[in-house]
Amino acid sequence: MKQPSLTDDGTAVELDLHGAYVDEAINLVRRVASLASERGRSTLRVVHGSSTSDPLARNRTIKHVLLDALDRGMRGVASHYEMEDVTLLSLDSSSHRNPTPITLLDVR
């Protein structure tokens, strides 16, 4: 079974949530967004896949729960842009950039 993965190039972070349960996925996004912001990253690309459920019903999918959480506000996130399979988060990055790559071990 596929597991969530994370890559960090020092400017932007990508978090692929395939294989995660909804609650685990949202907790990962929160922790990664906060840490990425603290380390001076500008963008977090969250790969959640396309939700095949009815968007009006707001079924409990990673995509829908993520968008609801972002609408309520999330620490470290300045704004977000939704696409079909991905949501891009613009981060409130600190002026100090820490080049240490972020890994899943840092946020689990």
PDB file of N, CA and C in Angstrom:
ATOM      1  N   MET A   1       0.846  -1.181   0.000  1.00  0.00           N
ATOM      2  CA  MET A   1       0.000   0.000   0.000  1.00  0.00           C
ATOM      3  C   MET A   1       0.887   1.239   0.000  1.00  0.00           C
ATOM      4  N   LYS A   2       0.498   2.217  -0.755  1.00  0.00           N
ATOM      5  CA  LYS A   2       1.251   3.461  -0.852  1.00  0.00           C
ATOM      6  C   LYS A   2       1.207   4.218   0.473  1.00  0.00           C
ATOM      7  N   GLN A   3       2.291   4.893   0.791  1.00  0.00           N
ATOM      8  CA  GLN A   3       2.410   5.684   2.017  1.00  0.00           C
ATOM      9  C   GLN A   3       2.607   7.150   1.647  1.00  0.00           C
ATOM     10  N   PRO A   4       2.222   8.071   2.525  1.00  0.00           N
ATOM     11  CA  PRO A   4       2.490   9.488   2.261  1.00  0.00           C
ATOM     12  C   PRO A   4       3.988   9.712   2.060  1.00  0.00           C
ATOM     13  N   SER A   5       4.326  10.720   1.238  1.00  0.00           N
ATOM     14  CA  SER A   5       5.732  11.043   1.002  1.00  0.00           C
ATOM     15  C   SER A   5       5.906  12.553   1.022  1.00  0.00           C
ATOM     16  N   LEU A   6       7.143  12.974   1.262  1.00  0.00           N
ATOM     17  CA  LEU A   6       7.439  14.390   1.376  1.00  0.00           C
ATOM     18  C   LEU A   6       8.770  14.677   0.704  1.00  0.00           C
ATOM     19  N   THR A   7       8.830  15.747  -0.086  1.00  0.00           N
ATOM     20  CA  THR A   7      10.088  16.219  -0.669  1.00  0.00           C
ATOM     21  C   THR A   7      10.229  17.700  -0.344  1.00  0.00           C
ATOM     22  N   ASP A   8      11.468  18.138  -0.175  1.00  0.00           N
ATOM     23  CA  ASP A   8      11.757  19.520   0.187  1.00  0.00           C
ATOM     24  C   ASP A   8      13.007  19.945  -0.569  1.00  0.00           C
ATOM     25  N   ASP A   9      12.867  20.954  -1.448  1.00  0.00           N
ATOM     26  CA  ASP A   9      14.025  21.429  -2.210  1.00  0.00           C
ATOM     27  C   ASP A   9      14.654  22.684  -1.599  1.00  0.00           C
ATOM     28  N   GLY A  10      14.206  23.059  -0.401  1.00  0.00           N
ATOM     29  CA  GLY A  10      14.744  24.239   0.258  1.00  0.00           C
ATOM     30  C   GLY A  10      13.934  25.496   0.025  1.00  0.00           C
ATOM     31  N   THR A  11      13.074  25.485  -0.964  1.00  0.00           N
ATOM     32  CA  THR A  11      12.182  26.617  -1.243  1.00  0.00           C
ATOM     33  C   THR A  11      10.726  26.192  -1.138  1.00  0.00           C
ATOM     34  N   ALA A  12      10.434  25.049  -1.720  1.00  0.00           N
ATOM     35  CA  ALA A  12       9.068  24.524  -1.737  1.00  0.00           C
ATOM     36  C   ALA A  12       9.067  23.092  -1.218  1.00  0.00           C
ATOM     37  N   VAL A  13       7.951  22.718  -0.624  1.00  0.00           N
ATOM     38  CA  VAL A  13       7.773  21.375  -0.088  1.00  0.00           C
ATOM     39  C   VAL A  13       6.599  20.739  -0.811  1.00  0.00           C
ATOM     40  N   GLU A  14       6.712  19.430  -1.098  1.00  0.00           N
ATOM     41  CA  GLU A  14       5.585  18.688  -1.651  1.00  0.00           C
ATOM     42  C   GLU A  14       5.241  17.559  -0.705  1.00  0.00           C
ATOM     43  N   LEU A  15       3.976  17.478  -0.341  1.00  0.00           N
ATOM     44  CA  LEU A  15       3.467  16.426   0.524  1.00  0.00           C
ATOM     45  C   LEU A  15       2.422  15.646  -0.254  1.00  0.00           C
ATOM     46  N   ASP A  16       2.721  14.381  -0.543  1.00  0.00           N
ATOM     47  CA  ASP A  16       1.794  13.501  -1.252  1.00  0.00           C
ATOM     48  C   ASP A  16       1.071  12.660  -0.211  1.00  0.00           C
ATOM     49  N   LEU A  17      -0.233  12.831  -0.121  1.00  0.00           N
ATOM     50  CA  LEU A  17      -1.025  12.190   0.925  1.00  0.00           C
ATOM     51  C   LEU A  17      -1.631  10.855   0.515  1.00  0.00           C
ATOM     52  N   HIS A  18      -1.322  10.363  -0.668  1.00  0.00           N
ATOM     53  CA  HIS A  18      -1.869   9.071  -1.083  1.00  0.00           C
ATOM     54  C   HIS A  18      -1.478   7.999  -0.073  1.00  0.00           C
ATOM     55  N   GLY A  19      -2.464   7.226   0.348  1.00  0.00           N
ATOM     56  CA  GLY A  19      -2.242   6.164   1.322  1.00  0.00           C
ATOM     57  C   GLY A  19      -2.540   6.573   2.751  1.00  0.00           C
ATOM     58  N   ALA A  20      -2.822   7.859   2.987  1.00  0.00           N
ATOM     59  CA  ALA A  20      -3.124   8.337   4.337  1.00  0.00           C
ATOM     60  C   ALA A  20      -4.626   8.335   4.578  1.00  0.00           C
ATOM     61  N   TYR A  21      -5.007   8.130   5.822  1.00  0.00           N
ATOM     62  CA  TYR A  21      -6.401   8.301   6.227  1.00  0.00           C
ATOM     63  C   TYR A  21      -6.665   9.786   6.410  1.00  0.00           C
ATOM     64  N   VAL A  22      -7.920  10.182   6.404  1.00  0.00           N
ATOM     65  CA  VAL A  22      -8.292  11.595   6.431  1.00  0.00           C
ATOM     66  C   VAL A  22      -7.667  12.319   7.630  1.00  0.00           C
ATOM     67  N   ASP A  23      -7.882  11.817   8.840  1.00  0.00           N
ATOM     68  CA  ASP A  23      -7.360  12.505  10.027  1.00  0.00           C
ATOM     69  C   ASP A  23      -5.839  12.578  10.018  1.00  0.00           C
ATOM     70  N   GLU A  24      -5.187  11.484   9.630  1.00  0.00           N
ATOM     71  CA  GLU A  24      -3.721  11.473   9.531  1.00  0.00           C
ATOM     72  C   GLU A  24      -3.259  12.508   8.504  1.00  0.00           C
ATOM     73  N   ALA A  25      -3.945  12.573   7.379  1.00  0.00           N
ATOM     74  CA  ALA A  25      -3.562  13.498   6.313  1.00  0.00           C
ATOM     75  C   ALA A  25      -3.649  14.952   6.767  1.00  0.00           C
ATOM     76  N   ILE A  26      -4.739  15.321   7.423  1.00  0.00           N
ATOM     77  CA  ILE A  26      -4.911  16.706   7.855  1.00  0.00           C
ATOM     78  C   ILE A  26      -3.881  17.057   8.925  1.00  0.00           C
ATOM     79  N   ASN A  27      -3.609  16.134   9.833  1.00  0.00           N
ATOM     80  CA  ASN A  27      -2.576  16.385  10.841  1.00  0.00           C
ATOM     81  C   ASN A  27      -1.209  16.561  10.199  1.00  0.00           C
ATOM     82  N   LEU A  28      -0.902  15.760   9.190  1.00  0.00           N
ATOM     83  CA  LEU A  28       0.372  15.914   8.467  1.00  0.00           C
ATOM     84  C   LEU A  28       0.456  17.280   7.795  1.00  0.00           C
ATOM     85  N   VAL A  29      -0.614  17.697   7.133  1.00  0.00           N
ATOM     86  CA  VAL A  29      -0.609  19.005   6.462  1.00  0.00           C
ATOM     87  C   VAL A  29      -0.367  20.112   7.481  1.00  0.00           C
ATOM     88  N   ARG A  30      -1.055  20.055   8.604  1.00  0.00           N
ATOM     89  CA  ARG A  30      -0.874  21.085   9.642  1.00  0.00           C
ATOM     90  C   ARG A  30       0.571  21.148  10.121  1.00  0.00           C
ATOM     91  N   ARG A  31       1.150  19.991  10.430  1.00  0.00           N
ATOM     92  CA  ARG A  31       2.522  19.963  10.960  1.00  0.00           C
ATOM     93  C   ARG A  31       3.538  20.379   9.899  1.00  0.00           C
ATOM     94  N   VAL A  32       3.345  19.914   8.668  1.00  0.00           N
ATOM     95  CA  VAL A  32       4.275  20.271   7.596  1.00  0.00           C
ATOM     96  C   VAL A  32       4.175  21.765   7.274  1.00  0.00           C
ATOM     97  N   ALA A  33       2.969  22.292   7.190  1.00  0.00           N
ATOM     98  CA  ALA A  33       2.799  23.721   6.897  1.00  0.00           C
ATOM     99  C   ALA A  33       3.467  24.575   7.965  1.00  0.00           C
ATOM    100  N   SER A  34       3.284  24.222   9.213  1.00  0.00           N
ATOM    101  CA  SER A  34       3.871  24.980  10.312  1.00  0.00           C
ATOM    102  C   SER A  34       5.396  24.922  10.263  1.00  0.00           C
ATOM    103  N   LEU A  35       5.953  23.724  10.116  1.00  0.00           N
ATOM    104  CA  LEU A  35       7.408  23.569  10.076  1.00  0.00           C
ATOM    105  C   LEU A  35       8.003  24.215   8.831  1.00  0.00           C
ATOM    106  N   ALA A  36       7.348  24.048   7.690  1.00  0.00           N
ATOM    107  CA  ALA A  36       7.846  24.653   6.449  1.00  0.00           C
ATOM    108  C   ALA A  36       7.861  26.173   6.556  1.00  0.00           C
ATOM    109  N   SER A  37       6.835  26.726   7.156  1.00  0.00           N
ATOM    110  CA  SER A  37       6.778  28.168   7.369  1.00  0.00           C
ATOM    111  C   SER A  37       7.919  28.617   8.287  1.00  0.00           C
ATOM    112  N   GLU A  38       8.122  27.895   9.382  1.00  0.00           N
ATOM    113  CA  GLU A  38       9.199  28.220  10.318  1.00  0.00           C
ATOM    114  C   GLU A  38      10.576  28.151   9.664  1.00  0.00           C
ATOM    115  N   ARG A  39      10.742  27.219   8.725  1.00  0.00           N
ATOM    116  CA  ARG A  39      12.042  27.052   8.058  1.00  0.00           C
ATOM    117  C   ARG A  39      12.197  27.920   6.817  1.00  0.00           C
ATOM    118  N   GLY A  40      11.230  28.806   6.570  1.00  0.00           N
ATOM    119  CA  GLY A  40      11.362  29.783   5.502  1.00  0.00           C
ATOM    120  C   GLY A  40      10.976  29.310   4.117  1.00  0.00           C
ATOM    121  N   ARG A  41      10.210  28.218   4.026  1.00  0.00           N
ATOM    122  CA  ARG A  41       9.752  27.771   2.715  1.00  0.00           C
ATOM    123  C   ARG A  41       8.602  28.671   2.270  1.00  0.00           C
ATOM    124  N   SER A  42       8.455  28.836   0.963  1.00  0.00           N
ATOM    125  CA  SER A  42       7.413  29.731   0.451  1.00  0.00           C
ATOM    126  C   SER A  42       6.146  29.000   0.035  1.00  0.00           C
ATOM    127  N   THR A  43       6.262  27.721  -0.314  1.00  0.00           N
ATOM    128  CA  THR A  43       5.133  26.995  -0.877  1.00  0.00           C
ATOM    129  C   THR A  43       5.073  25.572  -0.351  1.00  0.00           C
ATOM    130  N   LEU A  44       3.857  25.108  -0.120  1.00  0.00           N
ATOM    131  CA  LEU A  44       3.613  23.700   0.186  1.00  0.00           C
ATOM    132  C   LEU A  44       2.613  23.197  -0.842  1.00  0.00           C
ATOM    133  N   ARG A  45       3.017  22.214  -1.607  1.00  0.00           N
ATOM    134  CA  ARG A  45       2.150  21.591  -2.614  1.00  0.00           C
ATOM    135  C   ARG A  45       1.608  20.312  -1.996  1.00  0.00           C
ATOM    136  N   VAL A  46       0.291  20.269  -1.785  1.00  0.00           N
ATOM    137  CA  VAL A  46      -0.357  19.119  -1.164  1.00  0.00           C
ATOM    138  C   VAL A  46      -1.051  18.307  -2.250  1.00  0.00           C
ATOM    139  N   VAL A  47      -0.566  17.089  -2.460  1.00  0.00           N
ATOM    140  CA  VAL A  47      -1.149  16.184  -3.446  1.00  0.00           C
ATOM    141  C   VAL A  47      -2.147  15.299  -2.709  1.00  0.00           C
ATOM    142  N   HIS A  48      -3.425  15.494  -3.005  1.00  0.00           N
ATOM    143  CA  HIS A  48      -4.474  14.746  -2.307  1.00  0.00           C
ATOM    144  C   HIS A  48      -5.281  13.877  -3.245  1.00  0.00           C
ATOM    145  N   GLY A  49      -5.097  14.025  -4.530  1.00  0.00           N
ATOM    146  CA  GLY A  49      -5.893  13.282  -5.497  1.00  0.00           C
ATOM    147  C   GLY A  49      -7.217  13.972  -5.730  1.00  0.00           C
ATOM    148  N   SER A  50      -7.867  13.586  -6.802  1.00  0.00           N
ATOM    149  CA  SER A  50      -9.175  14.189  -7.096  1.00  0.00           C
ATOM    150  C   SER A  50     -10.225  13.451  -6.293  1.00  0.00           C
ATOM    151  N   SER A  51     -11.095  14.193  -5.699  1.00  0.00           N
ATOM    152  CA  SER A  51     -12.173  13.606  -4.910  1.00  0.00           C
ATOM    153  C   SER A  51     -13.315  13.266  -5.855  1.00  0.00           C
ATOM    154  N   THR A  52     -13.734  12.026  -5.823  1.00  0.00           N
ATOM    155  CA  THR A  52     -14.809  11.607  -6.720  1.00  0.00           C
ATOM    156  C   THR A  52     -16.174  11.758  -6.059  1.00  0.00           C
ATOM    157  N   SER A  53     -16.195  12.279  -4.830  1.00  0.00           N
ATOM    158  CA  SER A  53     -17.477  12.462  -4.160  1.00  0.00           C
ATOM    159  C   SER A  53     -18.104  13.787  -4.584  1.00  0.00           C
ATOM    160  N   ASP A  54     -19.344  13.958  -4.241  1.00  0.00           N
ATOM    161  CA  ASP A  54     -20.085  15.174  -4.578  1.00  0.00           C
ATOM    162  C   ASP A  54     -19.553  16.347  -3.759  1.00  0.00           C
ATOM    163  N   PRO A  55     -19.011  17.388  -4.416  1.00  0.00           N
ATOM    164  CA  PRO A  55     -18.458  18.511  -3.672  1.00  0.00           C
ATOM    165  C   PRO A  55     -19.502  19.258  -2.848  1.00  0.00           C
ATOM    166  N   LEU A  56     -20.770  19.217  -3.251  1.00  0.00           N
ATOM    167  CA  LEU A  56     -21.813  19.892  -2.481  1.00  0.00           C
ATOM    168  C   LEU A  56     -22.151  19.123  -1.205  1.00  0.00           C
ATOM    169  N   ALA A  57     -21.999  17.808  -1.240  1.00  0.00           N
ATOM    170  CA  ALA A  57     -22.281  16.988  -0.061  1.00  0.00           C
ATOM    171  C   ALA A  57     -21.136  17.078   0.944  1.00  0.00           C
ATOM    172  N   ARG A  58     -19.966  17.503   0.474  1.00  0.00           N
ATOM    173  CA  ARG A  58     -18.775  17.643   1.322  1.00  0.00           C
ATOM    174  C   ARG A  58     -18.505  16.361   2.107  1.00  0.00           C
ATOM    175  N   ASN A  59     -18.499  15.242   1.383  1.00  0.00           N
ATOM    176  CA  ASN A  59     -18.177  13.971   2.018  1.00  0.00           C
ATOM    177  C   ASN A  59     -16.800  14.049   2.649  1.00  0.00           C
ATOM    178  N   ARG A  60     -16.552  13.197   3.591  1.00  0.00           N
ATOM    179  CA  ARG A  60     -15.305  13.227   4.361  1.00  0.00           C
ATOM    180  C   ARG A  60     -14.166  12.616   3.547  1.00  0.00           C
ATOM    181  N   THR A  61     -13.644  13.393   2.633  1.00  0.00           N
ATOM    182  CA  THR A  61     -12.473  13.001   1.859  1.00  0.00           C
ATOM    183  C   THR A  61     -11.325  13.927   2.265  1.00  0.00           C
ATOM    184  N   ILE A  62     -10.110  13.527   1.985  1.00  0.00           N
ATOM    185  CA  ILE A  62      -8.957  14.363   2.318  1.00  0.00           C
ATOM    186  C   ILE A  62      -9.110  15.744   1.701  1.00  0.00           C
ATOM    187  N   LYS A  63      -9.468  15.793   0.434  1.00  0.00           N
ATOM    188  CA  LYS A  63      -9.596  17.076  -0.257  1.00  0.00           C
ATOM    189  C   LYS A  63     -10.610  17.980   0.433  1.00  0.00           C
ATOM    190  N   HIS A  64     -11.803  17.469   0.713  1.00  0.00           N
ATOM    191  CA  HIS A  64     -12.843  18.302   1.315  1.00  0.00           C
ATOM    192  C   HIS A  64     -12.491  18.730   2.731  1.00  0.00           C
ATOM    193  N   VAL A  65     -11.948  17.829   3.527  1.00  0.00           N
ATOM    194  CA  VAL A  65     -11.574  18.175   4.898  1.00  0.00           C
ATOM    195  C   VAL A  65     -10.422  19.176   4.895  1.00  0.00           C
ATOM    196  N   LEU A  66      -9.476  19.017   3.972  1.00  0.00           N
ATOM    197  CA  LEU A  66      -8.372  19.970   3.856  1.00  0.00           C
ATOM    198  C   LEU A  66      -8.884  21.366   3.512  1.00  0.00           C
ATOM    199  N   LEU A  67      -9.751  21.446   2.520  1.00  0.00           N
ATOM    200  CA  LEU A  67     -10.273  22.758   2.116  1.00  0.00           C
ATOM    201  C   LEU A  67     -11.085  23.414   3.236  1.00  0.00           C
ATOM    202  N   ASP A  68     -11.849  22.617   3.976  1.00  0.00           N
ATOM    203  CA  ASP A  68     -12.578  23.164   5.121  1.00  0.00           C
ATOM    204  C   ASP A  68     -11.608  23.692   6.174  1.00  0.00           C
ATOM    205  N   ALA A  69     -10.558  22.948   6.461  1.00  0.00           N
ATOM    206  CA  ALA A  69      -9.564  23.381   7.456  1.00  0.00           C
ATOM    207  C   ALA A  69      -8.862  24.658   6.995  1.00  0.00           C
ATOM    208  N   LEU A  70      -8.544  24.752   5.723  1.00  0.00           N
ATOM    209  CA  LEU A  70      -7.890  25.956   5.200  1.00  0.00           C
ATOM    210  C   LEU A  70      -8.829  27.157   5.264  1.00  0.00           C
ATOM    211  N   ASP A  71     -10.109  26.941   5.011  1.00  0.00           N
ATOM    212  CA  ASP A  71     -11.076  28.035   5.094  1.00  0.00           C
ATOM    213  C   ASP A  71     -11.198  28.569   6.522  1.00  0.00           C
ATOM    214  N   ARG A  72     -10.975  27.705   7.516  1.00  0.00           N
ATOM    215  CA  ARG A  72     -11.014  28.131   8.922  1.00  0.00           C
ATOM    216  C   ARG A  72      -9.695  28.766   9.364  1.00  0.00           C
ATOM    217  N   GLY A  73      -8.653  28.586   8.543  1.00  0.00           N
ATOM    218  CA  GLY A  73      -7.334  29.127   8.873  1.00  0.00           C
ATOM    219  C   GLY A  73      -6.413  28.045   9.395  1.00  0.00           C
ATOM    220  N   MET A  74      -5.178  28.085   8.948  1.00  0.00           N
ATOM    221  CA  MET A  74      -4.193  27.091   9.358  1.00  0.00           C
ATOM    222  C   MET A  74      -2.883  27.811   9.627  1.00  0.00           C
ATOM    223  N   ARG A  75      -2.254  27.488  10.728  1.00  0.00           N
ATOM    224  CA  ARG A  75      -1.004  28.118  11.128  1.00  0.00           C
ATOM    225  C   ARG A  75       0.050  27.993  10.017  1.00  0.00           C
ATOM    226  N   GLY A  76       0.648  29.124   9.678  1.00  0.00           N
ATOM    227  CA  GLY A  76       1.714  29.144   8.685  1.00  0.00           C
ATOM    228  C   GLY A  76       1.252  29.337   7.258  1.00  0.00           C
ATOM    229  N   VAL A  77      -0.067  29.290   7.021  1.00  0.00           N
ATOM    230  CA  VAL A  77      -0.602  29.381   5.655  1.00  0.00           C
ATOM    231  C   VAL A  77      -1.189  30.771   5.415  1.00  0.00           C
ATOM    232  N   ALA A  78      -0.676  31.446   4.385  1.00  0.00           N
ATOM    233  CA  ALA A  78      -1.171  32.780   4.028  1.00  0.00           C
ATOM    234  C   ALA A  78      -2.372  32.691   3.098  1.00  0.00           C
ATOM    235  N   SER A  79      -2.318  31.792   2.124  1.00  0.00           N
ATOM    236  CA  SER A  79      -3.412  31.616   1.168  1.00  0.00           C
ATOM    237  C   SER A  79      -3.287  30.243   0.526  1.00  0.00           C
ATOM    238  N   HIS A  80      -4.321  29.866  -0.198  1.00  0.00           N
ATOM    239  CA  HIS A  80      -4.277  28.575  -0.892  1.00  0.00           C
ATOM    240  C   HIS A  80      -5.000  28.673  -2.222  1.00  0.00           C
ATOM    241  N   TYR A  81      -4.610  27.765  -3.126  1.00  0.00           N
ATOM    242  CA  TYR A  81      -5.194  27.698  -4.459  1.00  0.00           C
ATOM    243  C   TYR A  81      -5.517  26.238  -4.742  1.00  0.00           C
ATOM    244  N   GLU A  82      -6.778  25.964  -4.986  1.00  0.00           N
ATOM    245  CA  GLU A  82      -7.254  24.606  -5.207  1.00  0.00           C
ATOM    246  C   GLU A  82      -7.221  24.246  -6.687  1.00  0.00           C
ATOM    247  N   MET A  83      -6.694  23.067  -6.979  1.00  0.00           N
ATOM    248  CA  MET A  83      -6.768  22.479  -8.313  1.00  0.00           C
ATOM    249  C   MET A  83      -7.409  21.103  -8.149  1.00  0.00           C
ATOM    250  N   GLU A  84      -7.519  20.354  -9.222  1.00  0.00           N
ATOM    251  CA  GLU A  84      -8.238  19.081  -9.143  1.00  0.00           C
ATOM    252  C   GLU A  84      -7.572  18.080  -8.208  1.00  0.00           C
ATOM    253  N   ASP A  85      -6.290  17.808  -8.397  1.00  0.00           N
ATOM    254  CA  ASP A  85      -5.589  16.781  -7.619  1.00  0.00           C
ATOM    255  C   ASP A  85      -4.672  17.356  -6.553  1.00  0.00           C
ATOM    256  N   VAL A  86      -4.482  18.666  -6.569  1.00  0.00           N
ATOM    257  CA  VAL A  86      -3.460  19.318  -5.749  1.00  0.00           C
ATOM    258  C   VAL A  86      -4.018  20.617  -5.179  1.00  0.00           C
ATOM    259  N   THR A  87      -3.575  20.956  -3.985  1.00  0.00           N
ATOM    260  CA  THR A  87      -3.845  22.281  -3.426  1.00  0.00           C
ATOM    261  C   THR A  87      -2.500  22.921  -3.110  1.00  0.00           C
ATOM    262  N   LEU A  88      -2.292  24.129  -3.631  1.00  0.00           N
ATOM    263  CA  LEU A  88      -1.055  24.868  -3.373  1.00  0.00           C
ATOM    264  C   LEU A  88      -1.273  25.819  -2.205  1.00  0.00           C
ATOM    265  N   LEU A  89      -0.366  25.764  -1.239  1.00  0.00           N
ATOM    266  CA  LEU A  89      -0.436  26.636  -0.082  1.00  0.00           C
ATOM    267  C   LEU A  89       0.705  27.639  -0.148  1.00  0.00           C
ATOM    268  N   SER A  90       0.375  28.906  -0.067  1.00  0.00           N
ATOM    269  CA  SER A  90       1.374  29.958   0.048  1.00  0.00           C
ATOM    270  C   SER A  90       1.623  30.127   1.544  1.00  0.00           C
ATOM    271  N   LEU A  91       2.879  30.022   1.946  1.00  0.00           N
ATOM    272  CA  LEU A  91       3.208  30.014   3.364  1.00  0.00           C
ATOM    273  C   LEU A  91       3.661  31.372   3.867  1.00  0.00           C
ATOM    274  N   ASP A  92       3.382  31.632   5.134  1.00  0.00           N
ATOM    275  CA  ASP A  92       3.921  32.794   5.837  1.00  0.00           C
ATOM    276  C   ASP A  92       5.343  32.422   6.227  1.00  0.00           C
ATOM    277  N   SER A  93       6.269  32.582   5.325  1.00  0.00           N
ATOM    278  CA  SER A  93       7.630  32.131   5.616  1.00  0.00           C
ATOM    279  C   SER A  93       8.378  33.180   6.422  1.00  0.00           C
ATOM    280  N   SER A  94       9.175  32.691   7.333  1.00  0.00           N
ATOM    281  CA  SER A  94       9.988  33.588   8.150  1.00  0.00           C
ATOM    282  C   SER A  94      11.100  34.161   7.291  1.00  0.00           C
ATOM    283  N   SER A  95      11.664  35.245   7.756  1.00  0.00           N
ATOM    284  CA  SER A  95      12.751  35.861   6.993  1.00  0.00           C
ATOM    285  C   SER A  95      14.017  35.014   7.075  1.00  0.00           C
ATOM    286  N   HIS A  96      14.096  34.157   8.090  1.00  0.00           N
ATOM    287  CA  HIS A  96      15.266  33.286   8.248  1.00  0.00           C
ATOM    288  C   HIS A  96      15.001  31.949   7.570  1.00  0.00           C
ATOM    289  N   ARG A  97      15.810  31.595   6.617  1.00  0.00           N
ATOM    290  CA  ARG A  97      15.651  30.328   5.912  1.00  0.00           C
ATOM    291  C   ARG A  97      16.595  29.294   6.512  1.00  0.00           C
ATOM    292  N   ASN A  98      16.034  28.212   6.985  1.00  0.00           N
ATOM    293  CA  ASN A  98      16.800  27.092   7.508  1.00  0.00           C
ATOM    294  C   ASN A  98      16.901  26.068   6.382  1.00  0.00           C
ATOM    295  N   PRO A  99      18.105  25.802   5.866  1.00  0.00           N
ATOM    296  CA  PRO A  99      18.244  24.914   4.708  1.00  0.00           C
ATOM    297  C   PRO A  99      18.068  23.431   5.020  1.00  0.00           C
ATOM    298  N   THR A 100      17.926  23.072   6.282  1.00  0.00           N
ATOM    299  CA  THR A 100      17.785  21.662   6.628  1.00  0.00           C
ATOM    300  C   THR A 100      16.511  21.107   5.993  1.00  0.00           C
ATOM    301  N   PRO A 101      16.641  20.073   5.164  1.00  0.00           N
ATOM    302  CA  PRO A 101      15.455  19.508   4.508  1.00  0.00           C
ATOM    303  C   PRO A 101      14.451  18.964   5.522  1.00  0.00           C
ATOM    304  N   ILE A 102      13.197  19.170   5.247  1.00  0.00           N
ATOM    305  CA  ILE A 102      12.131  18.634   6.070  1.00  0.00           C
ATOM    306  C   ILE A 102      11.856  17.208   5.591  1.00  0.00           C
ATOM    307  N   THR A 103      11.696  16.293   6.542  1.00  0.00           N
ATOM    308  CA  THR A 103      11.361  14.893   6.215  1.00  0.00           C
ATOM    309  C   THR A 103      10.107  14.504   6.981  1.00  0.00           C
ATOM    310  N   LEU A 104       9.518  13.388   6.600  1.00  0.00           N
ATOM    311  CA  LEU A 104       8.350  12.892   7.323  1.00  0.00           C
ATOM    312  C   LEU A 104       8.679  12.572   8.769  1.00  0.00           C
ATOM    313  N   LEU A 105       9.911  12.178   9.037  1.00  0.00           N
ATOM    314  CA  LEU A 105      10.295  11.889  10.418  1.00  0.00           C
ATOM    315  C   LEU A 105      10.200  13.128  11.294  1.00  0.00           C
ATOM    316  N   ASP A 106      10.373  14.317  10.705  1.00  0.00           N
ATOM    317  CA  ASP A 106      10.286  15.576  11.457  1.00  0.00           C
ATOM    318  C   ASP A 106       8.857  15.890  11.904  1.00  0.00           C
ATOM    319  N   VAL A 107       7.872  15.336  11.222  1.00  0.00           N
ATOM    320  CA  VAL A 107       6.482  15.721  11.477  1.00  0.00           C
ATOM    321  C   VAL A 107       5.605  14.563  11.953  1.00  0.00           C
ATOM    322  N   ARG A 108       6.154  13.421  12.115  1.00  0.00           N
ATOM    323  CA  ARG A 108       5.340  12.274  12.578  1.00  0.00           C
ATOM    324  C   ARG A 108       5.389  12.134  14.067  1.00  0.00           C
TER     325      ARG A 108
END
